[in-house]
Amino acid sequence: MLKTITIASFAALAAAATLALPTLAAPAAQTVRVTESDYRIGLSTRPRAGRVTFVVRNAGEDAHDFVVRGGGRTWRTRTLGVGSTARLTAQLRRGVRYQYWCAVGSHAKKGMRGSFVAR
């Protein structure tokens, strides 16, 4: 009987200790709004290292897409029609330079490109 009580007490103590530990939540993704207009791409803020969600909106008169490349990785949205929106989530590394551009036709050559270093 004493052995059963001791095991039950130990199990209850272990459960209570587990519940008392602080919960470590994963850091929230940074959201960067991307506005693509004809021959310009605007970012709402400079992306930071870590998980970043780009919310891309085509505010132009032509179809556009959004490509990000850096650190040996490339991420790309689908081609967006006028007024369309897409989400792109990337894991960015600190200190890496990332290039971004619209890969539709010659849009990048016309100015739809840029770069940033994730800090």
PDB file of N, CA and C in Angstrom:
ATOM      1  N   MET A   1       0.823  -1.191   0.000  1.00  0.00           N
ATOM      2  CA  MET A   1       0.000   0.000   0.000  1.00  0.00           C
ATOM      3  C   MET A   1       0.870   1.259   0.000  1.00  0.00           C
ATOM      4  N   LEU A   2       1.921   1.286   0.803  1.00  0.00           N
ATOM      5  CA  LEU A   2       2.825   2.426   0.876  1.00  0.00           C
ATOM      6  C   LEU A   2       3.526   2.643  -0.457  1.00  0.00           C
ATOM      7  N   LYS A   3       3.898   1.544  -1.113  1.00  0.00           N
ATOM      8  CA  LYS A   3       4.560   1.623  -2.411  1.00  0.00           C
ATOM      9  C   LYS A   3       3.622   2.267  -3.439  1.00  0.00           C
ATOM     10  N   THR A   4       2.341   1.934  -3.441  1.00  0.00           N
ATOM     11  CA  THR A   4       1.362   2.486  -4.365  1.00  0.00           C
ATOM     12  C   THR A   4       1.189   3.978  -4.123  1.00  0.00           C
ATOM     13  N   ILE A   5       1.136   4.389  -2.870  1.00  0.00           N
ATOM     14  CA  ILE A   5       0.993   5.814  -2.533  1.00  0.00           C
ATOM     15  C   ILE A   5       2.224   6.579  -2.970  1.00  0.00           C
ATOM     16  N   THR A   6       3.415   6.034  -2.794  1.00  0.00           N
ATOM     17  CA  THR A   6       4.647   6.705  -3.180  1.00  0.00           C
ATOM     18  C   THR A   6       4.712   6.884  -4.689  1.00  0.00           C
ATOM     19  N   ILE A   7       4.341   5.863  -5.455  1.00  0.00           N
ATOM     20  CA  ILE A   7       4.353   5.962  -6.915  1.00  0.00           C
ATOM     21  C   ILE A   7       3.328   6.993  -7.372  1.00  0.00           C
ATOM     22  N   ALA A   8       2.148   6.988  -6.776  1.00  0.00           N
ATOM     23  CA  ALA A   8       1.111   7.958  -7.134  1.00  0.00           C
ATOM     24  C   ALA A   8       1.563   9.369  -6.789  1.00  0.00           C
ATOM     25  N   SER A   9       2.214   9.554  -5.654  1.00  0.00           N
ATOM     26  CA  SER A   9       2.707  10.872  -5.250  1.00  0.00           C
ATOM     27  C   SER A   9       3.781  11.358  -6.208  1.00  0.00           C
ATOM     28  N   PHE A  10       4.679  10.458  -6.615  1.00  0.00           N
ATOM     29  CA  PHE A  10       5.751  10.813  -7.547  1.00  0.00           C
ATOM     30  C   PHE A  10       5.159  11.234  -8.897  1.00  0.00           C
ATOM     31  N   ALA A  11       4.164  10.487  -9.385  1.00  0.00           N
ATOM     32  CA  ALA A  11       3.524  10.799 -10.665  1.00  0.00           C
ATOM     33  C   ALA A  11       2.843  12.169 -10.603  1.00  0.00           C
ATOM     34  N   ALA A  12       2.163  12.467  -9.495  1.00  0.00           N
ATOM     35  CA  ALA A  12       1.487  13.763  -9.343  1.00  0.00           C
ATOM     36  C   ALA A  12       2.504  14.895  -9.279  1.00  0.00           C
ATOM     37  N   LEU A  13       3.613  14.678  -8.593  1.00  0.00           N
ATOM     38  CA  LEU A  13       4.667  15.683  -8.489  1.00  0.00           C
ATOM     39  C   LEU A  13       5.298  15.948  -9.858  1.00  0.00           C
ATOM     40  N   ALA A  14       5.544  14.894 -10.622  1.00  0.00           N
ATOM     41  CA  ALA A  14       6.127  15.042 -11.957  1.00  0.00           C
ATOM     42  C   ALA A  14       5.187  15.822 -12.878  1.00  0.00           C
ATOM     43  N   ALA A  15       3.897  15.534 -12.809  1.00  0.00           N
ATOM     44  CA  ALA A  15       2.914  16.238 -13.629  1.00  0.00           C
ATOM     45  C   ALA A  15       2.847  17.713 -13.253  1.00  0.00           C
ATOM     46  N   ALA A  16       2.878  18.016 -11.979  1.00  0.00           N
ATOM     47  CA  ALA A  16       2.829  19.402 -11.512  1.00  0.00           C
ATOM     48  C   ALA A  16       4.084  20.161 -11.952  1.00  0.00           C
ATOM     49  N   ALA A  17       5.235  19.516 -11.884  1.00  0.00           N
ATOM     50  CA  ALA A  17       6.486  20.165 -12.296  1.00  0.00           C
ATOM     51  C   ALA A  17       6.461  20.478 -13.784  1.00  0.00           C
ATOM     52  N   THR A  18       5.908  19.581 -14.592  1.00  0.00           N
ATOM     53  CA  THR A  18       5.817  19.804 -16.030  1.00  0.00           C
ATOM     54  C   THR A  18       4.923  20.997 -16.332  1.00  0.00           C
ATOM     55  N   LEU A  19       3.810  21.113 -15.646  1.00  0.00           N
ATOM     56  CA  LEU A  19       2.896  22.230 -15.876  1.00  0.00           C
ATOM     57  C   LEU A  19       3.472  23.554 -15.408  1.00  0.00           C
ATOM     58  N   ALA A  20       4.386  23.521 -14.450  1.00  0.00           N
ATOM     59  CA  ALA A  20       4.939  24.753 -13.905  1.00  0.00           C
ATOM     60  C   ALA A  20       6.043  25.339 -14.786  1.00  0.00           C
ATOM     61  N   LEU A  21       6.590  24.561 -15.732  1.00  0.00           N
ATOM     62  CA  LEU A  21       7.659  25.067 -16.592  1.00  0.00           C
ATOM     63  C   LEU A  21       7.109  26.117 -17.547  1.00  0.00           C
ATOM     64  N   PRO A  22       7.864  27.175 -17.789  1.00  0.00           N
ATOM     65  CA  PRO A  22       7.383  28.190 -18.732  1.00  0.00           C
ATOM     66  C   PRO A  22       7.349  27.611 -20.146  1.00  0.00           C
ATOM     67  N   THR A  23       6.388  28.034 -20.916  1.00  0.00           N
ATOM     68  CA  THR A  23       6.258  27.582 -22.280  1.00  0.00           C
ATOM     69  C   THR A  23       7.099  28.472 -23.171  1.00  0.00           C
ATOM     70  N   LEU A  24       7.933  27.851 -23.983  1.00  0.00           N
ATOM     71  CA  LEU A  24       8.763  28.598 -24.915  1.00  0.00           C
ATOM     72  C   LEU A  24       8.102  28.543 -26.284  1.00  0.00           C
ATOM     73  N   ALA A  25       7.457  29.623 -26.672  1.00  0.00           N
ATOM     74  CA  ALA A  25       6.771  29.673 -27.957  1.00  0.00           C
ATOM     75  C   ALA A  25       7.770  29.996 -29.059  1.00  0.00           C
ATOM     76  N   ALA A  26       7.502  29.489 -30.229  1.00  0.00           N
ATOM     77  CA  ALA A  26       8.332  29.815 -31.389  1.00  0.00           C
ATOM     78  C   ALA A  26       8.150  31.294 -31.700  1.00  0.00           C
ATOM     79  N   PRO A  27       9.220  31.972 -32.085  1.00  0.00           N
ATOM     80  CA  PRO A  27       9.077  33.385 -32.400  1.00  0.00           C
ATOM     81  C   PRO A  27       8.111  33.575 -33.575  1.00  0.00           C
ATOM     82  N   ALA A  28       7.324  34.627 -33.497  1.00  0.00           N
ATOM     83  CA  ALA A  28       6.353  34.911 -34.554  1.00  0.00           C
ATOM     84  C   ALA A  28       7.084  35.359 -35.809  1.00  0.00           C
ATOM     85  N   ALA A  29       6.508  35.046 -36.947  1.00  0.00           N
ATOM     86  CA  ALA A  29       7.089  35.471 -38.214  1.00  0.00           C
ATOM     87  C   ALA A  29       6.901  36.974 -38.375  1.00  0.00           C
ATOM     88  N   GLN A  30       7.898  37.630 -38.914  1.00  0.00           N
ATOM     89  CA  GLN A  30       7.786  39.036 -39.256  1.00  0.00           C
ATOM     90  C   GLN A  30       6.971  39.119 -40.550  1.00  0.00           C
ATOM     91  N   THR A  31       6.087  40.068 -40.641  1.00  0.00           N
ATOM     92  CA  THR A  31       5.320  40.275 -41.871  1.00  0.00           C
ATOM     93  C   THR A  31       5.851  41.509 -42.582  1.00  0.00           C
ATOM     94  N   VAL A  32       6.187  41.338 -43.855  1.00  0.00           N
ATOM     95  CA  VAL A  32       6.653  42.443 -44.695  1.00  0.00           C
ATOM     96  C   VAL A  32       5.663  42.573 -45.841  1.00  0.00           C
ATOM     97  N   ARG A  33       5.033  43.739 -45.954  1.00  0.00           N
ATOM     98  CA  ARG A  33       4.112  43.992 -47.059  1.00  0.00           C
ATOM     99  C   ARG A  33       4.915  44.440 -48.276  1.00  0.00           C
ATOM    100  N   VAL A  34       4.656  43.799 -49.402  1.00  0.00           N
ATOM    101  CA  VAL A  34       5.347  44.103 -50.653  1.00  0.00           C
ATOM    102  C   VAL A  34       4.315  44.644 -51.632  1.00  0.00           C
ATOM    103  N   THR A  35       4.572  45.845 -52.161  1.00  0.00           N
ATOM    104  CA  THR A  35       3.673  46.433 -53.155  1.00  0.00           C
ATOM    105  C   THR A  35       4.412  46.500 -54.477  1.00  0.00           C
ATOM    106  N   GLU A  36       3.853  45.821 -55.470  1.00  0.00           N
ATOM    107  CA  GLU A  36       4.444  45.853 -56.806  1.00  0.00           C
ATOM    108  C   GLU A  36       3.567  46.733 -57.692  1.00  0.00           C
ATOM    109  N   SER A  37       4.173  47.791 -58.208  1.00  0.00           N
ATOM    110  CA  SER A  37       3.492  48.631 -59.188  1.00  0.00           C
ATOM    111  C   SER A  37       4.347  48.560 -60.448  1.00  0.00           C
ATOM    112  N   ASP A  38       3.910  49.187 -61.492  1.00  0.00           N
ATOM    113  CA  ASP A  38       4.640  49.013 -62.738  1.00  0.00           C
ATOM    114  C   ASP A  38       6.029  49.625 -62.643  1.00  0.00           C
ATOM    115  N   TYR A  39       6.970  48.710 -62.546  1.00  0.00           N
ATOM    116  CA  TYR A  39       8.415  48.928 -62.563  1.00  0.00           C
ATOM    117  C   TYR A  39       8.968  49.489 -61.260  1.00  0.00           C
ATOM    118  N   ARG A  40       8.285  49.116 -60.158  1.00  0.00           N
ATOM    119  CA  ARG A  40       8.772  49.464 -58.820  1.00  0.00           C
ATOM    120  C   ARG A  40       8.281  48.419 -57.822  1.00  0.00           C
ATOM    121  N   ILE A  41       9.150  48.052 -56.854  1.00  0.00           N
ATOM    122  CA  ILE A  41       8.754  47.163 -55.757  1.00  0.00           C
ATOM    123  C   ILE A  41       9.043  47.897 -54.455  1.00  0.00           C
ATOM    124  N   GLY A  42       8.030  48.027 -53.616  1.00  0.00           N
ATOM    125  CA  GLY A  42       8.194  48.670 -52.318  1.00  0.00           C
ATOM    126  C   GLY A  42       8.006  47.674 -51.185  1.00  0.00           C
ATOM    127  N   LEU A  43       8.921  47.712 -50.203  1.00  0.00           N
ATOM    128  CA  LEU A  43       8.808  46.878 -49.007  1.00  0.00           C
ATOM    129  C   LEU A  43       8.402  47.764 -47.842  1.00  0.00           C
ATOM    130  N   SER A  44       7.494  47.283 -46.991  1.00  0.00           N
ATOM    131  CA  SER A  44       7.018  48.086 -45.867  1.00  0.00           C
ATOM    132  C   SER A  44       8.090  48.276 -44.799  1.00  0.00           C
ATOM    133  N   THR A  45       9.035  47.358 -44.705  1.00  0.00           N
ATOM    134  CA  THR A  45      10.115  47.436 -43.727  1.00  0.00           C
ATOM    135  C   THR A  45      11.249  46.534 -44.192  1.00  0.00           C
ATOM    136  N   ARG A  46      12.430  46.710 -43.619  1.00  0.00           N
ATOM    137  CA  ARG A  46      13.542  45.838 -43.962  1.00  0.00           C
ATOM    138  C   ARG A  46      13.356  44.489 -43.265  1.00  0.00           C
ATOM    139  N   PRO A  47      13.393  43.400 -44.012  1.00  0.00           N
ATOM    140  CA  PRO A  47      13.225  42.085 -43.391  1.00  0.00           C
ATOM    141  C   PRO A  47      14.361  41.761 -42.419  1.00  0.00           C
ATOM    142  N   ARG A  48      13.994  41.123 -41.302  1.00  0.00           N
ATOM    143  CA  ARG A  48      14.971  40.709 -40.294  1.00  0.00           C
ATOM    144  C   ARG A  48      15.288  39.231 -40.469  1.00  0.00           C
ATOM    145  N   ALA A  49      16.356  38.799 -39.844  1.00  0.00           N
ATOM    146  CA  ALA A  49      16.704  37.375 -39.848  1.00  0.00           C
ATOM    147  C   ALA A  49      15.603  36.601 -39.128  1.00  0.00           C
ATOM    148  N   GLY A  50      15.357  35.383 -39.568  1.00  0.00           N
ATOM    149  CA  GLY A  50      14.321  34.544 -38.989  1.00  0.00           C
ATOM    150  C   GLY A  50      13.211  34.296 -39.993  1.00  0.00           C
ATOM    151  N   ARG A  51      12.075  33.890 -39.483  1.00  0.00           N
ATOM    152  CA  ARG A  51      10.938  33.558 -40.340  1.00  0.00           C
ATOM    153  C   ARG A  51      10.243  34.846 -40.775  1.00  0.00           C
ATOM    154  N   VAL A  52      10.142  35.039 -42.089  1.00  0.00           N
ATOM    155  CA  VAL A  52       9.538  36.253 -42.650  1.00  0.00           C
ATOM    156  C   VAL A  52       8.436  35.848 -43.623  1.00  0.00           C
ATOM    157  N   THR A  53       7.267  36.454 -43.468  1.00  0.00           N
ATOM    158  CA  THR A  53       6.175  36.255 -44.418  1.00  0.00           C
ATOM    159  C   THR A  53       6.035  37.531 -45.236  1.00  0.00           C
ATOM    160  N   PHE A  54       6.246  37.399 -46.539  1.00  0.00           N
ATOM    161  CA  PHE A  54       6.054  38.506 -47.462  1.00  0.00           C
ATOM    162  C   PHE A  54       4.620  38.431 -47.972  1.00  0.00           C
ATOM    163  N   VAL A  55       3.854  39.505 -47.796  1.00  0.00           N
ATOM    164  CA  VAL A  55       2.494  39.589 -48.328  1.00  0.00           C
ATOM    165  C   VAL A  55       2.600  40.505 -49.541  1.00  0.00           C
ATOM    166  N   VAL A  56       2.503  39.898 -50.714  1.00  0.00           N
ATOM    167  CA  VAL A  56       2.780  40.583 -51.987  1.00  0.00           C
ATOM    168  C   VAL A  56       1.466  40.979 -52.648  1.00  0.00           C
ATOM    169  N   ARG A  57       1.364  42.258 -53.002  1.00  0.00           N
ATOM    170  CA  ARG A  57       0.154  42.761 -53.682  1.00  0.00           C
ATOM    171  C   ARG A  57       0.548  43.411 -54.991  1.00  0.00           C
ATOM    172  N   ASN A  58      -0.125  43.021 -56.060  1.00  0.00           N
ATOM    173  CA  ASN A  58       0.109  43.629 -57.370  1.00  0.00           C
ATOM    174  C   ASN A  58      -0.798  44.841 -57.505  1.00  0.00           C
ATOM    175  N   ALA A  59      -0.201  46.026 -57.383  1.00  0.00           N
ATOM    176  CA  ALA A  59      -0.949  47.272 -57.505  1.00  0.00           C
ATOM    177  C   ALA A  59      -0.721  47.917 -58.867  1.00  0.00           C
ATOM    178  N   GLY A  60      -0.128  47.157 -59.786  1.00  0.00           N
ATOM    179  CA  GLY A  60       0.192  47.705 -61.099  1.00  0.00           C
ATOM    180  C   GLY A  60      -0.867  47.397 -62.138  1.00  0.00           C
ATOM    181  N   GLU A  61      -0.544  47.717 -63.370  1.00  0.00           N
ATOM    182  CA  GLU A  61      -1.436  47.490 -64.508  1.00  0.00           C
ATOM    183  C   GLU A  61      -1.062  46.225 -65.280  1.00  0.00           C
ATOM    184  N   ASP A  62       0.070  45.603 -64.927  1.00  0.00           N
ATOM    185  CA  ASP A  62       0.552  44.385 -65.586  1.00  0.00           C
ATOM    186  C   ASP A  62       0.641  43.256 -64.567  1.00  0.00           C
ATOM    187  N   ALA A  63       0.789  42.029 -65.057  1.00  0.00           N
ATOM    188  CA  ALA A  63       1.028  40.880 -64.185  1.00  0.00           C
ATOM    189  C   ALA A  63       2.442  40.975 -63.610  1.00  0.00           C
ATOM    190  N   HIS A  64       2.611  40.519 -62.361  1.00  0.00           N
ATOM    191  CA  HIS A  64       3.924  40.526 -61.700  1.00  0.00           C
ATOM    192  C   HIS A  64       4.056  39.262 -60.864  1.00  0.00           C
ATOM    193  N   ASP A  65       5.296  38.918 -60.534  1.00  0.00           N
ATOM    194  CA  ASP A  65       5.568  37.901 -59.526  1.00  0.00           C
ATOM    195  C   ASP A  65       6.614  38.476 -58.584  1.00  0.00           C
ATOM    196  N   PHE A  66       7.034  37.715 -57.585  1.00  0.00           N
ATOM    197  CA  PHE A  66       8.014  38.195 -56.607  1.00  0.00           C
ATOM    198  C   PHE A  66       8.962  37.046 -56.309  1.00  0.00           C
ATOM    199  N   VAL A  67      10.247  37.290 -56.506  1.00  0.00           N
ATOM    200  CA  VAL A  67      11.280  36.282 -56.283  1.00  0.00           C
ATOM    201  C   VAL A  67      12.267  36.830 -55.262  1.00  0.00           C
ATOM    202  N   VAL A  68      12.673  35.991 -54.298  1.00  0.00           N
ATOM    203  CA  VAL A  68      13.700  36.344 -53.310  1.00  0.00           C
ATOM    204  C   VAL A  68      14.773  35.263 -53.398  1.00  0.00           C
ATOM    205  N   ARG A  69      16.044  35.688 -53.469  1.00  0.00           N
ATOM    206  CA  ARG A  69      17.143  34.727 -53.524  1.00  0.00           C
ATOM    207  C   ARG A  69      18.285  35.188 -52.624  1.00  0.00           C
ATOM    208  N   GLY A  70      18.849  34.235 -51.888  1.00  0.00           N
ATOM    209  CA  GLY A  70      20.010  34.510 -51.044  1.00  0.00           C
ATOM    210  C   GLY A  70      20.323  33.322 -50.171  1.00  0.00           C
ATOM    211  N   GLY A  71      21.569  33.206 -49.753  1.00  0.00           N
ATOM    212  CA  GLY A  71      21.956  32.114 -48.865  1.00  0.00           C
ATOM    213  C   GLY A  71      21.758  30.741 -49.486  1.00  0.00           C
ATOM    214  N   GLY A  72      21.839  30.666 -50.824  1.00  0.00           N
ATOM    215  CA  GLY A  72      21.674  29.389 -51.498  1.00  0.00           C
ATOM    216  C   GLY A  72      20.233  28.945 -51.679  1.00  0.00           C
ATOM    217  N   ARG A  73      19.279  29.812 -51.388  1.00  0.00           N
ATOM    218  CA  ARG A  73      17.844  29.475 -51.498  1.00  0.00           C
ATOM    219  C   ARG A  73      17.135  30.482 -52.400  1.00  0.00           C
ATOM    220  N   THR A  74      16.054  30.024 -53.028  1.00  0.00           N
ATOM    221  CA  THR A  74      15.205  30.888 -53.846  1.00  0.00           C
ATOM    222  C   THR A  74      13.750  30.608 -53.500  1.00  0.00           C
ATOM    223  N   TRP A  75      12.968  31.674 -53.317  1.00  0.00           N
ATOM    224  CA  TRP A  75      11.530  31.583 -53.066  1.00  0.00           C
ATOM    225  C   TRP A  75      10.833  32.404 -54.138  1.00  0.00           C
ATOM    226  N   ARG A  76       9.641  31.942 -54.582  1.00  0.00           N
ATOM    227  CA  ARG A  76       8.943  32.626 -55.671  1.00  0.00           C
ATOM    228  C   ARG A  76       7.430  32.512 -55.480  1.00  0.00           C
ATOM    229  N   THR A  77       6.731  33.598 -55.787  1.00  0.00           N
ATOM    230  CA  THR A  77       5.266  33.545 -55.809  1.00  0.00           C
ATOM    231  C   THR A  77       4.823  33.102 -57.204  1.00  0.00           C
ATOM    232  N   ARG A  78       3.551  32.810 -57.308  1.00  0.00           N
ATOM    233  CA  ARG A  78       2.951  32.602 -58.630  1.00  0.00           C
ATOM    234  C   ARG A  78       2.855  33.972 -59.306  1.00  0.00           C
ATOM    235  N   THR A  79       2.572  33.988 -60.583  1.00  0.00           N
ATOM    236  CA  THR A  79       2.348  35.253 -61.281  1.00  0.00           C
ATOM    237  C   THR A  79       1.012  35.817 -60.815  1.00  0.00           C
ATOM    238  N   LEU A  80       1.028  37.092 -60.430  1.00  0.00           N
ATOM    239  CA  LEU A  80      -0.158  37.750 -59.866  1.00  0.00           C
ATOM    240  C   LEU A  80      -0.806  38.653 -60.902  1.00  0.00           C
ATOM    241  N   GLY A  81      -2.096  38.466 -61.105  1.00  0.00           N
ATOM    242  CA  GLY A  81      -2.841  39.374 -61.963  1.00  0.00           C
ATOM    243  C   GLY A  81      -3.049  40.704 -61.248  1.00  0.00           C
ATOM    244  N   VAL A  82      -3.555  41.676 -61.980  1.00  0.00           N
ATOM    245  CA  VAL A  82      -3.815  43.006 -61.426  1.00  0.00           C
ATOM    246  C   VAL A  82      -4.724  42.883 -60.199  1.00  0.00           C
ATOM    247  N   GLY A  83      -4.300  43.465 -59.071  1.00  0.00           N
ATOM    248  CA  GLY A  83      -5.079  43.466 -57.843  1.00  0.00           C
ATOM    249  C   GLY A  83      -4.947  42.206 -57.000  1.00  0.00           C
ATOM    250  N   SER A  84      -4.201  41.216 -57.463  1.00  0.00           N
ATOM    251  CA  SER A  84      -4.054  39.953 -56.730  1.00  0.00           C
ATOM    252  C   SER A  84      -3.018  40.053 -55.623  1.00  0.00           C
ATOM    253  N   THR A  85      -3.131  39.117 -54.669  1.00  0.00           N
ATOM    254  CA  THR A  85      -2.231  39.054 -53.518  1.00  0.00           C
ATOM    255  C   THR A  85      -1.737  37.627 -53.343  1.00  0.00           C
ATOM    256  N   ALA A  86      -0.503  37.482 -52.858  1.00  0.00           N
ATOM    257  CA  ALA A  86       0.053  36.164 -52.538  1.00  0.00           C
ATOM    258  C   ALA A  86       0.914  36.300 -51.292  1.00  0.00           C
ATOM    259  N   ARG A  87       1.098  35.165 -50.604  1.00  0.00           N
ATOM    260  CA  ARG A  87       1.956  35.122 -49.414  1.00  0.00           C
ATOM    261  C   ARG A  87       3.139  34.220 -49.709  1.00  0.00           C
ATOM    262  N   LEU A  88       4.301  34.626 -49.209  1.00  0.00           N
ATOM    263  CA  LEU A  88       5.522  33.857 -49.399  1.00  0.00           C
ATOM    264  C   LEU A  88       6.260  33.855 -48.068  1.00  0.00           C
ATOM    265  N   THR A  89       6.564  32.692 -47.523  1.00  0.00           N
ATOM    266  CA  THR A  89       7.256  32.616 -46.239  1.00  0.00           C
ATOM    267  C   THR A  89       8.656  32.057 -46.459  1.00  0.00           C
ATOM    268  N   ALA A  90       9.642  32.741 -45.888  1.00  0.00           N
ATOM    269  CA  ALA A  90      11.044  32.358 -46.052  1.00  0.00           C
ATOM    270  C   ALA A  90      11.746  32.404 -44.701  1.00  0.00           C
ATOM    271  N   GLN A  91      12.744  31.565 -44.540  1.00  0.00           N
ATOM    272  CA  GLN A  91      13.593  31.578 -43.350  1.00  0.00           C
ATOM    273  C   GLN A  91      14.881  32.282 -43.745  1.00  0.00           C
ATOM    274  N   LEU A  92      15.074  33.516 -43.260  1.00  0.00           N
ATOM    275  CA  LEU A  92      16.230  34.328 -43.634  1.00  0.00           C
ATOM    276  C   LEU A  92      17.334  34.205 -42.596  1.00  0.00           C
ATOM    277  N   ARG A  93      18.570  34.202 -43.074  1.00  0.00           N
ATOM    278  CA  ARG A  93      19.728  34.077 -42.182  1.00  0.00           C
ATOM    279  C   ARG A  93      20.399  35.430 -41.976  1.00  0.00           C
ATOM    280  N   ARG A  94      20.795  35.664 -40.740  1.00  0.00           N
ATOM    281  CA  ARG A  94      21.442  36.918 -40.355  1.00  0.00           C
ATOM    282  C   ARG A  94      22.720  37.148 -41.166  1.00  0.00           C
ATOM    283  N   GLY A  95      22.882  38.385 -41.649  1.00  0.00           N
ATOM    284  CA  GLY A  95      24.088  38.777 -42.364  1.00  0.00           C
ATOM    285  C   GLY A  95      24.130  38.387 -43.826  1.00  0.00           C
ATOM    286  N   VAL A  96      23.110  37.710 -44.312  1.00  0.00           N
ATOM    287  CA  VAL A  96      23.075  37.279 -45.714  1.00  0.00           C
ATOM    288  C   VAL A  96      22.394  38.360 -46.551  1.00  0.00           C
ATOM    289  N   ARG A  97      22.984  38.647 -47.728  1.00  0.00           N
ATOM    290  CA  ARG A  97      22.361  39.591 -48.656  1.00  0.00           C
ATOM    291  C   ARG A  97      21.357  38.838 -49.512  1.00  0.00           C
ATOM    292  N   TYR A  98      20.141  39.362 -49.572  1.00  0.00           N
ATOM    293  CA  TYR A  98      19.068  38.779 -50.373  1.00  0.00           C
ATOM    294  C   TYR A  98      18.725  39.740 -51.507  1.00  0.00           C
ATOM    295  N   GLN A  99      18.523  39.195 -52.686  1.00  0.00           N
ATOM    296  CA  GLN A  99      18.080  39.956 -53.852  1.00  0.00           C
ATOM    297  C   GLN A  99      16.595  39.655 -54.048  1.00  0.00           C
ATOM    298  N   TYR A 100      15.826  40.622 -54.507  1.00  0.00           N
ATOM    299  CA  TYR A 100      14.427  40.378 -54.850  1.00  0.00           C
ATOM    300  C   TYR A 100      14.121  41.076 -56.161  1.00  0.00           C
ATOM    301  N   TRP A 101      13.180  40.514 -56.918  1.00  0.00           N
ATOM    302  CA  TRP A 101      12.846  41.079 -58.210  1.00  0.00           C
ATOM    303  C   TRP A 101      11.540  40.483 -58.738  1.00  0.00           C
ATOM    304  N   CYS A 102      11.045  41.110 -59.808  1.00  0.00           N
ATOM    305  CA  CYS A 102       9.914  40.573 -60.571  1.00  0.00           C
ATOM    306  C   CYS A 102      10.527  39.889 -61.785  1.00  0.00           C
ATOM    307  N   ALA A 103      10.217  38.605 -61.979  1.00  0.00           N
ATOM    308  CA  ALA A 103      10.807  37.834 -63.069  1.00  0.00           C
ATOM    309  C   ALA A 103       9.939  37.815 -64.327  1.00  0.00           C
ATOM    310  N   VAL A 104       8.869  38.591 -64.346  1.00  0.00           N
ATOM    311  CA  VAL A 104       8.006  38.642 -65.527  1.00  0.00           C
ATOM    312  C   VAL A 104       8.669  39.526 -66.578  1.00  0.00           C
ATOM    313  N   GLY A 105       8.834  38.984 -67.788  1.00  0.00           N
ATOM    314  CA  GLY A 105       9.400  39.759 -68.899  1.00  0.00           C
ATOM    315  C   GLY A 105      10.688  40.469 -68.519  1.00  0.00           C
ATOM    316  N   SER A 106      10.784  41.737 -68.881  1.00  0.00           N
ATOM    317  CA  SER A 106      11.977  42.545 -68.573  1.00  0.00           C
ATOM    318  C   SER A 106      11.725  43.481 -67.395  1.00  0.00           C
ATOM    319  N   HIS A 107      10.768  43.142 -66.519  1.00  0.00           N
ATOM    320  CA  HIS A 107      10.404  44.029 -65.415  1.00  0.00           C
ATOM    321  C   HIS A 107      11.589  44.336 -64.500  1.00  0.00           C
ATOM    322  N   ALA A 108      12.436  43.348 -64.209  1.00  0.00           N
ATOM    323  CA  ALA A 108      13.596  43.596 -63.332  1.00  0.00           C
ATOM    324  C   ALA A 108      14.532  44.627 -63.960  1.00  0.00           C
ATOM    325  N   LYS A 109      14.760  44.535 -65.254  1.00  0.00           N
ATOM    326  CA  LYS A 109      15.629  45.500 -65.948  1.00  0.00           C
ATOM    327  C   LYS A 109      15.032  46.895 -65.938  1.00  0.00           C
ATOM    328  N   LYS A 110      13.713  46.968 -65.832  1.00  0.00           N
ATOM    329  CA  LYS A 110      13.022  48.263 -65.818  1.00  0.00           C
ATOM    330  C   LYS A 110      12.933  48.853 -64.416  1.00  0.00           C
ATOM    331  N   GLY A 111      13.543  48.185 -63.410  1.00  0.00           N
ATOM    332  CA  GLY A 111      13.593  48.752 -62.070  1.00  0.00           C
ATOM    333  C   GLY A 111      12.913  47.939 -60.977  1.00  0.00           C
ATOM    334  N   MET A 112      12.280  46.828 -61.327  1.00  0.00           N
ATOM    335  CA  MET A 112      11.585  46.025 -60.313  1.00  0.00           C
ATOM    336  C   MET A 112      12.558  45.040 -59.683  1.00  0.00           C
ATOM    337  N   ARG A 113      13.470  45.578 -58.900  1.00  0.00           N
ATOM    338  CA  ARG A 113      14.471  44.748 -58.203  1.00  0.00           C
ATOM    339  C   ARG A 113      15.043  45.545 -57.041  1.00  0.00           C
ATOM    340  N   GLY A 114      15.660  44.807 -56.128  1.00  0.00           N
ATOM    341  CA  GLY A 114      16.309  45.435 -54.982  1.00  0.00           C
ATOM    342  C   GLY A 114      17.031  44.387 -54.169  1.00  0.00           C
ATOM    343  N   SER A 115      17.583  44.818 -53.043  1.00  0.00           N
ATOM    344  CA  SER A 115      18.281  43.885 -52.162  1.00  0.00           C
ATOM    345  C   SER A 115      18.230  44.390 -50.730  1.00  0.00           C
ATOM    346  N   PHE A 116      18.519  43.499 -49.806  1.00  0.00           N
ATOM    347  CA  PHE A 116      18.613  43.841 -48.388  1.00  0.00           C
ATOM    348  C   PHE A 116      19.507  42.811 -47.709  1.00  0.00           C
ATOM    349  N   VAL A 117      20.034  43.190 -46.550  1.00  0.00           N
ATOM    350  CA  VAL A 117      20.786  42.262 -45.709  1.00  0.00           C
ATOM    351  C   VAL A 117      19.936  42.011 -44.475  1.00  0.00           C
ATOM    352  N   ALA A 118      19.653  40.727 -44.202  1.00  0.00           N
ATOM    353  CA  ALA A 118      18.854  40.382 -43.030  1.00  0.00           C
ATOM    354  C   ALA A 118      19.679  40.644 -41.764  1.00  0.00           C
ATOM    355  N   ARG A 119      19.168  41.432 -40.844  1.00  0.00           N
ATOM    356  CA  ARG A 119      19.871  41.789 -39.589  1.00  0.00           C
ATOM    357  C   ARG A 119      19.243  41.135 -38.399  1.00  0.00           C
TER     358      ARG A 119
END
